[in-house]
């Protein structure tokens, strides 16, 4: 290989890649945790090194030039290789001190994980934990997190997943709300109640139908993609909502709706990238979470 012919800086190539992926300097700067002027200078320096124009301004946005499009494919391959190198190096780490990033749904991150993480920190104070509370699945293959707690089984061969115990979810409401709608005693009367929904209520409506509760989109006058907003609306007496039993049973302001109603069963999976499974620090957190979740549901 002609090493002297390689005259560009990888950090600048990475700045170009992230800008192209994110679509703007501001979004890329946020993703890379740097200032926008600094990122802009790195992209400009790469253009100077390569003697090409990579972006053109179109209105208030950026558009890749033909040269930028051609170079982007190569830089993407470089990014994939750099990510693989980082994963393999992390997988060989024997150091117990350091950071571990865990991603989980909002409900899990807010209402379930905190006491577990507090216990972990008391046992291993050298481990710093970052929690990503998101209802969108982080990409472990791109190192968006080290460990994921998910409610579905991952299919990618690069991921190792351990199925934890199934959990039960129920419908909850405040006693005041149930009194206002006549204290429904069966599924038929409950079908006229208001429910808190999510961005898409099709899966929820389907799950309700499976237990004999016939709902329609009109039953969901309140919706939010946020589990926290969902739960706060329920606690305020605005409508009926669904929540895991481990969360609902601990909230004194609400009661279960129709105690005899069959629970909604959900899966929980603990997921890690196969390369990180050999990392001593990540492995310790992974095993700790698996043990704590055994007694949770």
C-alpha atoms as a PDB file:
ATOM      1  CA  UNK A   1       0.000   0.000   0.000  1.00  0.00           C
ATOM      2  CA  UNK A   2       1.249   3.487  -0.827  1.00  0.00           C
ATOM      3  CA  UNK A   3       0.982   5.015   2.617  1.00  0.00           C
ATOM      4  CA  UNK A   4       2.265   8.411   1.510  1.00  0.00           C
ATOM      5  CA  UNK A   5      -0.673   8.787  -0.854  1.00  0.00           C
ATOM      6  CA  UNK A   6      -3.109   8.815   2.080  1.00  0.00           C
ATOM      7  CA  UNK A   7      -3.185  12.496   2.947  1.00  0.00           C
ATOM      8  CA  UNK A   8      -6.526  13.067   4.656  1.00  0.00           C
ATOM      9  CA  UNK A   9      -7.470  13.077   8.325  1.00  0.00           C
ATOM     10  CA  UNK A  10      -9.957  10.368   9.454  1.00  0.00           C
ATOM     11  CA  UNK A  11     -11.550  12.753  11.962  1.00  0.00           C
ATOM     12  CA  UNK A  12     -12.379  15.071   9.082  1.00  0.00           C
ATOM     13  CA  UNK A  13     -13.750  12.179   7.041  1.00  0.00           C
ATOM     14  CA  UNK A  14     -15.890  11.199  10.018  1.00  0.00           C
ATOM     15  CA  UNK A  15     -17.199  14.772  10.280  1.00  0.00           C
ATOM     16  CA  UNK A  16     -18.184  14.590   6.605  1.00  0.00           C
ATOM     17  CA  UNK A  17     -19.865  11.188   7.084  1.00  0.00           C
ATOM     18  CA  UNK A  18     -21.929  12.286  10.079  1.00  0.00           C
ATOM     19  CA  UNK A  19     -22.941  15.521   8.336  1.00  0.00           C
ATOM     20  CA  UNK A  20     -24.074  13.577   5.271  1.00  0.00           C
ATOM     21  CA  UNK A  21     -26.012  11.106   7.443  1.00  0.00           C
ATOM     22  CA  UNK A  22     -27.621  13.755   9.662  1.00  0.00           C
ATOM     23  CA  UNK A  23     -28.362  16.221   6.860  1.00  0.00           C
ATOM     24  CA  UNK A  24     -27.102  19.413   8.494  1.00  0.00           C
ATOM     25  CA  UNK A  25     -24.109  20.833  10.341  1.00  0.00           C
ATOM     26  CA  UNK A  26     -26.176  21.522  13.451  1.00  0.00           C
ATOM     27  CA  UNK A  27     -27.509  17.950  13.706  1.00  0.00           C
ATOM     28  CA  UNK A  28     -24.074  16.491  12.985  1.00  0.00           C
ATOM     29  CA  UNK A  29     -22.422  18.706  15.591  1.00  0.00           C
ATOM     30  CA  UNK A  30     -24.947  17.541  18.170  1.00  0.00           C
ATOM     31  CA  UNK A  31     -24.388  13.884  17.237  1.00  0.00           C
ATOM     32  CA  UNK A  32     -20.615  14.310  17.557  1.00  0.00           C
ATOM     33  CA  UNK A  33     -20.804  16.456  20.697  1.00  0.00           C
ATOM     34  CA  UNK A  34     -18.838  19.325  19.213  1.00  0.00           C
ATOM     35  CA  UNK A  35     -19.574  22.901  18.203  1.00  0.00           C
ATOM     36  CA  UNK A  36     -21.049  23.591  14.779  1.00  0.00           C
ATOM     37  CA  UNK A  37     -18.175  25.914  13.717  1.00  0.00           C
ATOM     38  CA  UNK A  38     -15.617  23.235  14.628  1.00  0.00           C
ATOM     39  CA  UNK A  39     -17.434  20.599  12.600  1.00  0.00           C
ATOM     40  CA  UNK A  40     -17.805  22.985   9.669  1.00  0.00           C
ATOM     41  CA  UNK A  41     -14.067  23.674   9.714  1.00  0.00           C
ATOM     42  CA  UNK A  42     -13.320  19.942   9.674  1.00  0.00           C
ATOM     43  CA  UNK A  43     -15.520  19.376   6.619  1.00  0.00           C
ATOM     44  CA  UNK A  44     -13.980  22.416   4.881  1.00  0.00           C
ATOM     45  CA  UNK A  45     -10.486  21.110   5.679  1.00  0.00           C
ATOM     46  CA  UNK A  46     -11.372  17.715   4.143  1.00  0.00           C
ATOM     47  CA  UNK A  47     -12.611  19.452   0.991  1.00  0.00           C
ATOM     48  CA  UNK A  48      -9.321  21.300   0.833  1.00  0.00           C
ATOM     49  CA  UNK A  49      -7.289  18.117   1.373  1.00  0.00           C
ATOM     50  CA  UNK A  50      -9.196  16.224  -1.328  1.00  0.00           C
ATOM     51  CA  UNK A  51      -9.547  19.239  -3.660  1.00  0.00           C
ATOM     52  CA  UNK A  52     -13.296  18.639  -4.094  1.00  0.00           C
ATOM     53  CA  UNK A  53     -16.564  20.272  -3.056  1.00  0.00           C
ATOM     54  CA  UNK A  54     -18.590  17.871  -0.942  1.00  0.00           C
ATOM     55  CA  UNK A  55     -21.720  19.906  -0.146  1.00  0.00           C
ATOM     56  CA  UNK A  56     -23.739  22.656  -1.749  1.00  0.00           C
ATOM     57  CA  UNK A  57     -26.152  24.846   0.179  1.00  0.00           C
ATOM     58  CA  UNK A  58     -29.725  24.536  -1.086  1.00  0.00           C
ATOM     59  CA  UNK A  59     -31.947  26.991   0.736  1.00  0.00           C
ATOM     60  CA  UNK A  60     -31.294  26.410   4.428  1.00  0.00           C
ATOM     61  CA  UNK A  61     -30.073  22.853   3.955  1.00  0.00           C
ATOM     62  CA  UNK A  62     -27.152  20.907   2.521  1.00  0.00           C
ATOM     63  CA  UNK A  63     -27.043  18.768  -0.585  1.00  0.00           C
ATOM     64  CA  UNK A  64     -24.239  16.397  -1.544  1.00  0.00           C
ATOM     65  CA  UNK A  65     -22.422  17.149  -4.767  1.00  0.00           C
ATOM     66  CA  UNK A  66     -21.676  14.349  -7.234  1.00  0.00           C
ATOM     67  CA  UNK A  67     -18.157  14.131  -5.779  1.00  0.00           C
ATOM     68  CA  UNK A  68     -19.644  14.051  -2.299  1.00  0.00           C
ATOM     69  CA  UNK A  69     -21.973  11.175  -3.238  1.00  0.00           C
ATOM     70  CA  UNK A  70     -19.103   9.131  -4.658  1.00  0.00           C
ATOM     71  CA  UNK A  71     -16.837   9.769  -1.687  1.00  0.00           C
ATOM     72  CA  UNK A  72     -19.659   9.080   0.780  1.00  0.00           C
ATOM     73  CA  UNK A  73     -19.844   5.403  -0.217  1.00  0.00           C
ATOM     74  CA  UNK A  74     -16.149   4.934   0.516  1.00  0.00           C
ATOM     75  CA  UNK A  75     -16.304   6.846   3.793  1.00  0.00           C
ATOM     76  CA  UNK A  76     -19.303   4.755   4.896  1.00  0.00           C
ATOM     77  CA  UNK A  77     -17.186   1.625   4.453  1.00  0.00           C
ATOM     78  CA  UNK A  78     -14.462   3.303   6.500  1.00  0.00           C
ATOM     79  CA  UNK A  79     -16.991   4.133   9.207  1.00  0.00           C
ATOM     80  CA  UNK A  80     -18.181   0.520   9.308  1.00  0.00           C
ATOM     81  CA  UNK A  81     -14.585  -0.691   9.606  1.00  0.00           C
ATOM     82  CA  UNK A  82     -13.814   1.857  12.340  1.00  0.00           C
ATOM     83  CA  UNK A  83     -16.911   0.769  14.253  1.00  0.00           C
ATOM     84  CA  UNK A  84     -15.914  -2.896  13.957  1.00  0.00           C
ATOM     85  CA  UNK A  85     -12.421  -2.054  15.231  1.00  0.00           C
ATOM     86  CA  UNK A  86     -13.912  -0.205  18.209  1.00  0.00           C
ATOM     87  CA  UNK A  87     -16.238  -3.100  18.997  1.00  0.00           C
ATOM     88  CA  UNK A  88     -13.480  -5.693  18.872  1.00  0.00           C
ATOM     89  CA  UNK A  89     -11.148  -3.581  20.988  1.00  0.00           C
ATOM     90  CA  UNK A  90     -13.902  -2.991  23.542  1.00  0.00           C
ATOM     91  CA  UNK A  91     -14.673  -6.692  23.560  1.00  0.00           C
ATOM     92  CA  UNK A  92     -11.154  -7.475  24.688  1.00  0.00           C
ATOM     93  CA  UNK A  93     -11.169  -5.007  27.580  1.00  0.00           C
ATOM     94  CA  UNK A  94     -10.476  -6.526  30.999  1.00  0.00           C
ATOM     95  CA  UNK A  95     -10.949  -3.222  32.824  1.00  0.00           C
ATOM     96  CA  UNK A  96     -13.913  -3.213  35.213  1.00  0.00           C
ATOM     97  CA  UNK A  97     -13.937   0.575  35.669  1.00  0.00           C
ATOM     98  CA  UNK A  98     -15.502   2.762  33.025  1.00  0.00           C
ATOM     99  CA  UNK A  99     -18.768   3.593  31.303  1.00  0.00           C
ATOM    100  CA  UNK A 100     -21.596   1.314  30.174  1.00  0.00           C
ATOM    101  CA  UNK A 101     -24.527   2.649  28.161  1.00  0.00           C
ATOM    102  CA  UNK A 102     -27.944   1.001  28.625  1.00  0.00           C
ATOM    103  CA  UNK A 103     -30.946   1.745  26.436  1.00  0.00           C
ATOM    104  CA  UNK A 104     -34.510   0.979  27.487  1.00  0.00           C
ATOM    105  CA  UNK A 105     -38.038   2.208  26.938  1.00  0.00           C
ATOM    106  CA  UNK A 106     -39.117   5.317  28.834  1.00  0.00           C
ATOM    107  CA  UNK A 107     -41.269   3.310  31.232  1.00  0.00           C
ATOM    108  CA  UNK A 108     -38.419   0.917  31.953  1.00  0.00           C
ATOM    109  CA  UNK A 109     -35.819   3.672  32.283  1.00  0.00           C
ATOM    110  CA  UNK A 110     -37.920   5.881  34.555  1.00  0.00           C
ATOM    111  CA  UNK A 111     -39.875   3.488  36.753  1.00  0.00           C
ATOM    112  CA  UNK A 112     -37.884   0.229  36.876  1.00  0.00           C
ATOM    113  CA  UNK A 113     -34.179   0.758  36.224  1.00  0.00           C
ATOM    114  CA  UNK A 114     -33.250   3.441  38.838  1.00  0.00           C
ATOM    115  CA  UNK A 115     -33.244   1.197  41.960  1.00  0.00           C
ATOM    116  CA  UNK A 116     -31.461  -1.537  40.016  1.00  0.00           C
ATOM    117  CA  UNK A 117     -28.758   0.873  38.861  1.00  0.00           C
ATOM    118  CA  UNK A 118     -28.425   2.276  42.382  1.00  0.00           C
ATOM    119  CA  UNK A 119     -27.773  -1.253  43.629  1.00  0.00           C
ATOM    120  CA  UNK A 120     -25.243  -1.845  40.845  1.00  0.00           C
ATOM    121  CA  UNK A 121     -23.385   1.349  41.744  1.00  0.00           C
ATOM    122  CA  UNK A 122     -23.218   0.344  45.400  1.00  0.00           C
ATOM    123  CA  UNK A 123     -21.556  -2.933  44.393  1.00  0.00           C
ATOM    124  CA  UNK A 124     -19.370  -1.607  41.568  1.00  0.00           C
ATOM    125  CA  UNK A 125     -18.767   2.128  42.104  1.00  0.00           C
ATOM    126  CA  UNK A 126     -16.116   2.161  39.375  1.00  0.00           C
ATOM    127  CA  UNK A 127     -18.774   1.613  36.707  1.00  0.00           C
ATOM    128  CA  UNK A 128     -20.465   4.727  35.330  1.00  0.00           C
ATOM    129  CA  UNK A 129     -23.853   4.136  33.736  1.00  0.00           C
ATOM    130  CA  UNK A 130     -25.490   6.140  30.960  1.00  0.00           C
ATOM    131  CA  UNK A 131     -29.189   5.425  30.390  1.00  0.00           C
ATOM    132  CA  UNK A 132     -30.866   6.192  27.079  1.00  0.00           C
ATOM    133  CA  UNK A 133     -34.611   6.408  27.665  1.00  0.00           C
ATOM    134  CA  UNK A 134     -36.129   5.915  24.233  1.00  0.00           C
ATOM    135  CA  UNK A 135     -39.046   4.009  22.759  1.00  0.00           C
ATOM    136  CA  UNK A 136     -37.059   3.625  19.538  1.00  0.00           C
ATOM    137  CA  UNK A 137     -34.628   0.718  19.371  1.00  0.00           C
ATOM    138  CA  UNK A 138     -31.012   1.902  19.530  1.00  0.00           C
ATOM    139  CA  UNK A 139     -28.636   0.248  17.070  1.00  0.00           C
ATOM    140  CA  UNK A 140     -26.156  -1.774  19.135  1.00  0.00           C
ATOM    141  CA  UNK A 141     -24.207  -2.613  15.984  1.00  0.00           C
ATOM    142  CA  UNK A 142     -23.407   1.091  15.590  1.00  0.00           C
ATOM    143  CA  UNK A 143     -22.480   1.459  19.270  1.00  0.00           C
ATOM    144  CA  UNK A 144     -25.491   3.631  20.059  1.00  0.00           C
ATOM    145  CA  UNK A 145     -25.572   1.673  23.323  1.00  0.00           C
ATOM    146  CA  UNK A 146     -23.779  -1.271  24.929  1.00  0.00           C
ATOM    147  CA  UNK A 147     -26.800  -3.084  26.366  1.00  0.00           C
ATOM    148  CA  UNK A 148     -30.463  -2.912  25.370  1.00  0.00           C
ATOM    149  CA  UNK A 149     -33.565  -3.957  27.285  1.00  0.00           C
ATOM    150  CA  UNK A 150     -36.231  -4.669  24.694  1.00  0.00           C
ATOM    151  CA  UNK A 151     -39.738  -6.086  24.474  1.00  0.00           C
ATOM    152  CA  UNK A 152     -39.048  -7.993  21.272  1.00  0.00           C
ATOM    153  CA  UNK A 153     -36.526 -10.602  20.170  1.00  0.00           C
ATOM    154  CA  UNK A 154     -33.724  -9.202  17.998  1.00  0.00           C
ATOM    155  CA  UNK A 155     -33.000 -11.109  14.798  1.00  0.00           C
ATOM    156  CA  UNK A 156     -29.541  -9.914  13.792  1.00  0.00           C
ATOM    157  CA  UNK A 157     -26.774 -12.508  14.078  1.00  0.00           C
ATOM    158  CA  UNK A 158     -24.340  -9.981  15.594  1.00  0.00           C
ATOM    159  CA  UNK A 159     -26.528  -9.611  18.684  1.00  0.00           C
ATOM    160  CA  UNK A 160     -26.725 -11.892  21.695  1.00  0.00           C
ATOM    161  CA  UNK A 161     -30.124 -11.893  23.409  1.00  0.00           C
ATOM    162  CA  UNK A 162     -31.272 -13.469  26.656  1.00  0.00           C
ATOM    163  CA  UNK A 163     -34.993 -13.875  27.191  1.00  0.00           C
ATOM    164  CA  UNK A 164     -36.031 -12.779  30.662  1.00  0.00           C
ATOM    165  CA  UNK A 165     -39.279 -13.685  32.420  1.00  0.00           C
ATOM    166  CA  UNK A 166     -42.477 -12.546  30.760  1.00  0.00           C
ATOM    167  CA  UNK A 167     -44.259  -9.678  32.443  1.00  0.00           C
ATOM    168  CA  UNK A 168     -47.929  -8.843  32.919  1.00  0.00           C
ATOM    169  CA  UNK A 169     -49.521  -5.527  32.014  1.00  0.00           C
ATOM    170  CA  UNK A 170     -52.977  -4.328  33.047  1.00  0.00           C
ATOM    171  CA  UNK A 171     -55.380  -1.466  32.504  1.00  0.00           C
ATOM    172  CA  UNK A 172     -55.252   1.227  35.191  1.00  0.00           C
ATOM    173  CA  UNK A 173     -57.286   4.292  36.065  1.00  0.00           C
ATOM    174  CA  UNK A 174     -57.985   6.489  39.066  1.00  0.00           C
ATOM    175  CA  UNK A 175     -60.973   5.569  41.247  1.00  0.00           C
ATOM    176  CA  UNK A 176     -62.427   8.997  40.469  1.00  0.00           C
ATOM    177  CA  UNK A 177     -62.349   8.387  36.711  1.00  0.00           C
ATOM    178  CA  UNK A 178     -64.002   4.992  37.107  1.00  0.00           C
ATOM    179  CA  UNK A 179     -66.756   6.554  39.223  1.00  0.00           C
ATOM    180  CA  UNK A 180     -67.333   9.198  36.551  1.00  0.00           C
ATOM    181  CA  UNK A 181     -67.985   6.527  33.925  1.00  0.00           C
ATOM    182  CA  UNK A 182     -70.249   4.462  36.184  1.00  0.00           C
ATOM    183  CA  UNK A 183     -67.719   1.933  37.577  1.00  0.00           C
ATOM    184  CA  UNK A 184     -67.816  -0.436  34.581  1.00  0.00           C
ATOM    185  CA  UNK A 185     -68.101  -4.056  35.643  1.00  0.00           C
ATOM    186  CA  UNK A 186     -67.633  -5.876  32.338  1.00  0.00           C
ATOM    187  CA  UNK A 187     -65.910  -5.570  28.976  1.00  0.00           C
ATOM    188  CA  UNK A 188     -69.063  -4.356  27.225  1.00  0.00           C
ATOM    189  CA  UNK A 189     -69.473  -1.292  29.442  1.00  0.00           C
ATOM    190  CA  UNK A 190     -65.740  -0.647  29.397  1.00  0.00           C
ATOM    191  CA  UNK A 191     -65.880  -0.324  25.609  1.00  0.00           C
ATOM    192  CA  UNK A 192     -67.437   3.136  26.026  1.00  0.00           C
ATOM    193  CA  UNK A 193     -64.590   4.521  28.147  1.00  0.00           C
ATOM    194  CA  UNK A 194     -61.771   6.847  27.104  1.00  0.00           C
ATOM    195  CA  UNK A 195     -58.247   5.436  26.822  1.00  0.00           C
ATOM    196  CA  UNK A 196     -54.787   6.963  26.553  1.00  0.00           C
ATOM    197  CA  UNK A 197     -53.145   5.769  23.366  1.00  0.00           C
ATOM    198  CA  UNK A 198     -49.790   5.948  21.660  1.00  0.00           C
ATOM    199  CA  UNK A 199     -48.699   7.305  18.284  1.00  0.00           C
ATOM    200  CA  UNK A 200     -50.112   4.220  16.578  1.00  0.00           C
ATOM    201  CA  UNK A 201     -52.945   2.471  18.375  1.00  0.00           C
ATOM    202  CA  UNK A 202     -53.429  -0.388  15.916  1.00  0.00           C
ATOM    203  CA  UNK A 203     -51.338  -2.930  17.928  1.00  0.00           C
ATOM    204  CA  UNK A 204     -53.027  -1.840  21.157  1.00  0.00           C
ATOM    205  CA  UNK A 205     -56.534  -2.130  19.667  1.00  0.00           C
ATOM    206  CA  UNK A 206     -55.612  -5.581  18.346  1.00  0.00           C
ATOM    207  CA  UNK A 207     -54.388  -6.674  21.797  1.00  0.00           C
ATOM    208  CA  UNK A 208     -57.618  -5.400  23.362  1.00  0.00           C
ATOM    209  CA  UNK A 209     -59.712  -7.333  20.843  1.00  0.00           C
ATOM    210  CA  UNK A 210     -57.805 -10.515  21.700  1.00  0.00           C
ATOM    211  CA  UNK A 211     -58.991 -10.303  25.318  1.00  0.00           C
ATOM    212  CA  UNK A 212     -62.549  -9.478  24.276  1.00  0.00           C
ATOM    213  CA  UNK A 213     -62.477  -5.695  24.601  1.00  0.00           C
ATOM    214  CA  UNK A 214     -63.825  -4.148  21.394  1.00  0.00           C
ATOM    215  CA  UNK A 215     -62.244  -0.701  21.003  1.00  0.00           C
ATOM    216  CA  UNK A 216     -61.966   1.647  18.032  1.00  0.00           C
ATOM    217  CA  UNK A 217     -59.816   4.714  17.317  1.00  0.00           C
ATOM    218  CA  UNK A 218     -62.608   6.834  18.811  1.00  0.00           C
ATOM    219  CA  UNK A 219     -61.802   5.334  22.225  1.00  0.00           C
ATOM    220  CA  UNK A 220     -58.427   7.129  22.184  1.00  0.00           C
ATOM    221  CA  UNK A 221     -58.993  10.886  22.492  1.00  0.00           C
ATOM    222  CA  UNK A 222     -55.597  11.219  24.197  1.00  0.00           C
ATOM    223  CA  UNK A 223     -52.375  10.006  22.577  1.00  0.00           C
ATOM    224  CA  UNK A 224     -48.668  10.424  23.173  1.00  0.00           C
ATOM    225  CA  UNK A 225     -45.532   8.626  22.054  1.00  0.00           C
ATOM    226  CA  UNK A 226     -44.153   9.141  25.557  1.00  0.00           C
ATOM    227  CA  UNK A 227     -44.741   6.467  28.182  1.00  0.00           C
ATOM    228  CA  UNK A 228     -44.241   9.103  30.872  1.00  0.00           C
ATOM    229  CA  UNK A 229     -46.948  11.371  29.455  1.00  0.00           C
ATOM    230  CA  UNK A 230     -49.185   8.320  29.031  1.00  0.00           C
ATOM    231  CA  UNK A 231     -48.831   7.377  32.687  1.00  0.00           C
ATOM    232  CA  UNK A 232     -49.214  10.924  33.988  1.00  0.00           C
ATOM    233  CA  UNK A 233     -52.486  11.286  32.062  1.00  0.00           C
ATOM    234  CA  UNK A 234     -53.740   8.087  33.681  1.00  0.00           C
ATOM    235  CA  UNK A 235     -52.661   9.259  37.150  1.00  0.00           C
ATOM    236  CA  UNK A 236     -54.414  12.588  36.618  1.00  0.00           C
ATOM    237  CA  UNK A 237     -57.747  10.840  36.019  1.00  0.00           C
ATOM    238  CA  UNK A 238     -58.006  11.763  32.343  1.00  0.00           C
ATOM    239  CA  UNK A 239     -58.591   8.243  30.989  1.00  0.00           C
ATOM    240  CA  UNK A 240     -57.662   4.560  31.253  1.00  0.00           C
ATOM    241  CA  UNK A 241     -54.149   3.433  30.304  1.00  0.00           C
ATOM    242  CA  UNK A 242     -52.017   0.314  30.121  1.00  0.00           C
ATOM    243  CA  UNK A 243     -48.869  -0.248  32.161  1.00  0.00           C
ATOM    244  CA  UNK A 244     -46.757  -3.183  33.415  1.00  0.00           C
ATOM    245  CA  UNK A 245     -47.975  -4.550  36.731  1.00  0.00           C
ATOM    246  CA  UNK A 246     -44.626  -3.874  38.410  1.00  0.00           C
ATOM    247  CA  UNK A 247     -45.231  -0.159  37.769  1.00  0.00           C
ATOM    248  CA  UNK A 248     -48.994   0.014  38.181  1.00  0.00           C
ATOM    249  CA  UNK A 249     -49.099  -1.919  41.461  1.00  0.00           C
ATOM    250  CA  UNK A 250     -46.605   0.519  42.999  1.00  0.00           C
ATOM    251  CA  UNK A 251     -48.675   3.617  42.177  1.00  0.00           C
ATOM    252  CA  UNK A 252     -51.175   4.432  44.979  1.00  0.00           C
ATOM    253  CA  UNK A 253     -53.238   6.900  42.926  1.00  0.00           C
ATOM    254  CA  UNK A 254     -54.550   4.265  40.502  1.00  0.00           C
ATOM    255  CA  UNK A 255     -56.351   0.916  40.618  1.00  0.00           C
ATOM    256  CA  UNK A 256     -56.601  -1.974  38.215  1.00  0.00           C
ATOM    257  CA  UNK A 257     -59.572  -1.858  35.873  1.00  0.00           C
ATOM    258  CA  UNK A 258     -61.642  -5.053  35.920  1.00  0.00           C
ATOM    259  CA  UNK A 259     -59.558  -7.176  38.289  1.00  0.00           C
ATOM    260  CA  UNK A 260     -60.774 -10.406  36.658  1.00  0.00           C
ATOM    261  CA  UNK A 261     -59.606  -9.335  33.221  1.00  0.00           C
ATOM    262  CA  UNK A 262     -56.767 -11.425  31.746  1.00  0.00           C
ATOM    263  CA  UNK A 263     -53.401  -9.643  31.782  1.00  0.00           C
ATOM    264  CA  UNK A 264     -51.552  -8.537  28.689  1.00  0.00           C
ATOM    265  CA  UNK A 265     -48.340 -10.596  28.572  1.00  0.00           C
ATOM    266  CA  UNK A 266     -45.174  -8.992  27.223  1.00  0.00           C
ATOM    267  CA  UNK A 267     -41.655 -10.295  26.609  1.00  0.00           C
ATOM    268  CA  UNK A 268     -38.425  -8.767  27.881  1.00  0.00           C
ATOM    269  CA  UNK A 269     -35.063  -9.379  26.221  1.00  0.00           C
ATOM    270  CA  UNK A 270     -31.597  -8.386  27.388  1.00  0.00           C
ATOM    271  CA  UNK A 271     -29.434  -7.696  24.346  1.00  0.00           C
ATOM    272  CA  UNK A 272     -25.739  -7.019  23.757  1.00  0.00           C
ATOM    273  CA  UNK A 273     -23.477  -7.012  20.712  1.00  0.00           C
ATOM    274  CA  UNK A 274     -21.544 -10.275  20.475  1.00  0.00           C
ATOM    275  CA  UNK A 275     -18.207  -8.435  20.501  1.00  0.00           C
ATOM    276  CA  UNK A 276     -19.058  -6.645  23.743  1.00  0.00           C
ATOM    277  CA  UNK A 277     -20.171  -9.853  25.450  1.00  0.00           C
ATOM    278  CA  UNK A 278     -16.493 -10.578  26.178  1.00  0.00           C
ATOM    279  CA  UNK A 279     -15.898  -7.155  27.715  1.00  0.00           C
ATOM    280  CA  UNK A 280     -15.525  -7.692  31.455  1.00  0.00           C
ATOM    281  CA  UNK A 281     -17.311  -4.466  32.447  1.00  0.00           C
ATOM    282  CA  UNK A 282     -20.216  -4.918  30.025  1.00  0.00           C
ATOM    283  CA  UNK A 283     -20.488  -8.585  30.960  1.00  0.00           C
ATOM    284  CA  UNK A 284     -20.755  -7.707  34.662  1.00  0.00           C
ATOM    285  CA  UNK A 285     -23.569  -5.220  34.030  1.00  0.00           C
ATOM    286  CA  UNK A 286     -25.295  -7.637  31.635  1.00  0.00           C
ATOM    287  CA  UNK A 287     -25.260 -10.472  34.188  1.00  0.00           C
ATOM    288  CA  UNK A 288     -26.279  -8.124  36.998  1.00  0.00           C
ATOM    289  CA  UNK A 289     -29.329  -6.936  35.055  1.00  0.00           C
ATOM    290  CA  UNK A 290     -30.304 -10.495  34.166  1.00  0.00           C
ATOM    291  CA  UNK A 291     -30.151 -11.524  37.839  1.00  0.00           C
ATOM    292  CA  UNK A 292     -32.161  -8.506  39.057  1.00  0.00           C
ATOM    293  CA  UNK A 293     -34.855  -8.985  36.449  1.00  0.00           C
ATOM    294  CA  UNK A 294     -35.454 -12.575  37.582  1.00  0.00           C
ATOM    295  CA  UNK A 295     -37.334 -11.303  40.641  1.00  0.00           C
ATOM    296  CA  UNK A 296     -38.933  -8.325  38.937  1.00  0.00           C
ATOM    297  CA  UNK A 297     -41.897  -9.777  37.025  1.00  0.00           C
END
